[in-house]
Amino acid sequence: MSDGQHERYKEVFCSDCQTVLGRYSTKYFSDRDIDELVRIHHATHIKQGHMMTIRISGNV
């Protein structure tokens, strides 16, 4: 961003696959929204027992 502010993102990371499955802007998505998106869109990883974490990242 041009005014010196950095947009913050929450990343959904699969420890088993060592892959970022998604990045969601904290400006537009609440924690509840992100939890719902993870349950819906990453259900396969969850059903396979993969360890998922949500971590904060800076400007992407």
C-alpha atoms as a PDB file:
ATOM      1  CA  MET A   1       0.000   0.000   0.000  1.00  0.00           C
ATOM      2  CA  SER A   2       1.295   3.429  -0.831  1.00  0.00           C
ATOM      3  CA  ASP A   3       0.646   5.067   2.555  1.00  0.00           C
ATOM      4  CA  GLY A   4       3.130   2.825   4.384  1.00  0.00           C
ATOM      5  CA  GLN A   5       0.510   0.446   5.774  1.00  0.00           C
ATOM      6  CA  HIS A   6       0.892  -3.248   5.109  1.00  0.00           C
ATOM      7  CA  GLU A   7      -2.121  -5.349   4.368  1.00  0.00           C
ATOM      8  CA  ARG A   8      -2.286  -8.393   6.618  1.00  0.00           C
ATOM      9  CA  TYR A   9      -3.287 -11.848   5.508  1.00  0.00           C
ATOM     10  CA  LYS A  10      -4.079 -15.084   7.261  1.00  0.00           C
ATOM     11  CA  GLU A  11      -2.640 -18.098   5.511  1.00  0.00           C
ATOM     12  CA  VAL A  12      -4.102 -21.576   5.745  1.00  0.00           C
ATOM     13  CA  PHE A  13      -1.087 -23.885   5.825  1.00  0.00           C
ATOM     14  CA  CYS A  14      -1.076 -27.697   5.581  1.00  0.00           C
ATOM     15  CA  SER A  15       1.890 -29.041   7.566  1.00  0.00           C
ATOM     16  CA  ASP A  16       1.631 -32.462   5.924  1.00  0.00           C
ATOM     17  CA  CYS A  17       1.746 -31.096   2.358  1.00  0.00           C
ATOM     18  CA  GLN A  18       4.024 -28.154   3.295  1.00  0.00           C
ATOM     19  CA  THR A  19       1.704 -25.958   1.204  1.00  0.00           C
ATOM     20  CA  VAL A  20      -0.182 -22.713   1.684  1.00  0.00           C
ATOM     21  CA  LEU A  21      -3.744 -23.637   0.730  1.00  0.00           C
ATOM     22  CA  GLY A  22      -5.126 -20.109   0.802  1.00  0.00           C
ATOM     23  CA  ARG A  23      -4.504 -16.495   1.815  1.00  0.00           C
ATOM     24  CA  TYR A  24      -7.292 -14.354   3.172  1.00  0.00           C
ATOM     25  CA  SER A  25      -7.150 -10.610   3.828  1.00  0.00           C
ATOM     26  CA  THR A  26      -7.920  -9.706   7.440  1.00  0.00           C
ATOM     27  CA  LYS A  27      -9.515  -6.543   6.068  1.00  0.00           C
ATOM     28  CA  TYR A  28     -12.282  -8.529   4.350  1.00  0.00           C
ATOM     29  CA  PHE A  29     -12.446 -11.869   6.212  1.00  0.00           C
ATOM     30  CA  SER A  30     -13.147 -12.344   9.913  1.00  0.00           C
ATOM     31  CA  ASP A  31     -11.804 -15.340  11.852  1.00  0.00           C
ATOM     32  CA  ARG A  32     -15.261 -16.906  11.619  1.00  0.00           C
ATOM     33  CA  ASP A  33     -15.298 -16.446   7.818  1.00  0.00           C
ATOM     34  CA  ILE A  34     -11.876 -18.053   7.479  1.00  0.00           C
ATOM     35  CA  ASP A  35     -12.858 -20.995   9.707  1.00  0.00           C
ATOM     36  CA  GLU A  36     -15.918 -21.600   7.528  1.00  0.00           C
ATOM     37  CA  LEU A  37     -13.896 -21.364   4.311  1.00  0.00           C
ATOM     38  CA  VAL A  38     -11.372 -23.860   5.658  1.00  0.00           C
ATOM     39  CA  ARG A  39     -14.119 -26.336   6.618  1.00  0.00           C
ATOM     40  CA  ILE A  40     -15.795 -26.050   3.214  1.00  0.00           C
ATOM     41  CA  HIS A  41     -12.887 -25.735   0.784  1.00  0.00           C
ATOM     42  CA  HIS A  42     -10.239 -27.830   2.495  1.00  0.00           C
ATOM     43  CA  ALA A  43     -12.424 -30.675   3.786  1.00  0.00           C
ATOM     44  CA  THR A  44     -10.356 -33.282   1.931  1.00  0.00           C
ATOM     45  CA  HIS A  45      -7.222 -32.336   3.855  1.00  0.00           C
ATOM     46  CA  ILE A  46      -9.123 -32.400   7.135  1.00  0.00           C
ATOM     47  CA  LYS A  47     -10.712 -35.809   6.384  1.00  0.00           C
ATOM     48  CA  GLN A  48      -7.277 -37.224   5.542  1.00  0.00           C
ATOM     49  CA  GLY A  49      -6.076 -36.137   8.994  1.00  0.00           C
ATOM     50  CA  HIS A  50      -3.720 -33.429   7.770  1.00  0.00           C
ATOM     51  CA  MET A  51      -2.551 -30.854  10.290  1.00  0.00           C
ATOM     52  CA  MET A  52      -3.737 -27.393   9.254  1.00  0.00           C
ATOM     53  CA  THR A  53      -2.681 -24.123  10.839  1.00  0.00           C
ATOM     54  CA  ILE A  54      -3.709 -20.547  10.235  1.00  0.00           C
ATOM     55  CA  ARG A  55      -0.845 -18.092  10.427  1.00  0.00           C
ATOM     56  CA  ILE A  56      -0.521 -14.343   9.960  1.00  0.00           C
ATOM     57  CA  SER A  57       1.566 -13.062   7.076  1.00  0.00           C
ATOM     58  CA  GLY A  58       2.500  -9.577   5.987  1.00  0.00           C
ATOM     59  CA  ASN A  59       2.331  -7.979   2.567  1.00  0.00           C
ATOM     60  CA  VAL A  60       2.159 -10.663  -0.129  1.00  0.00           C
END
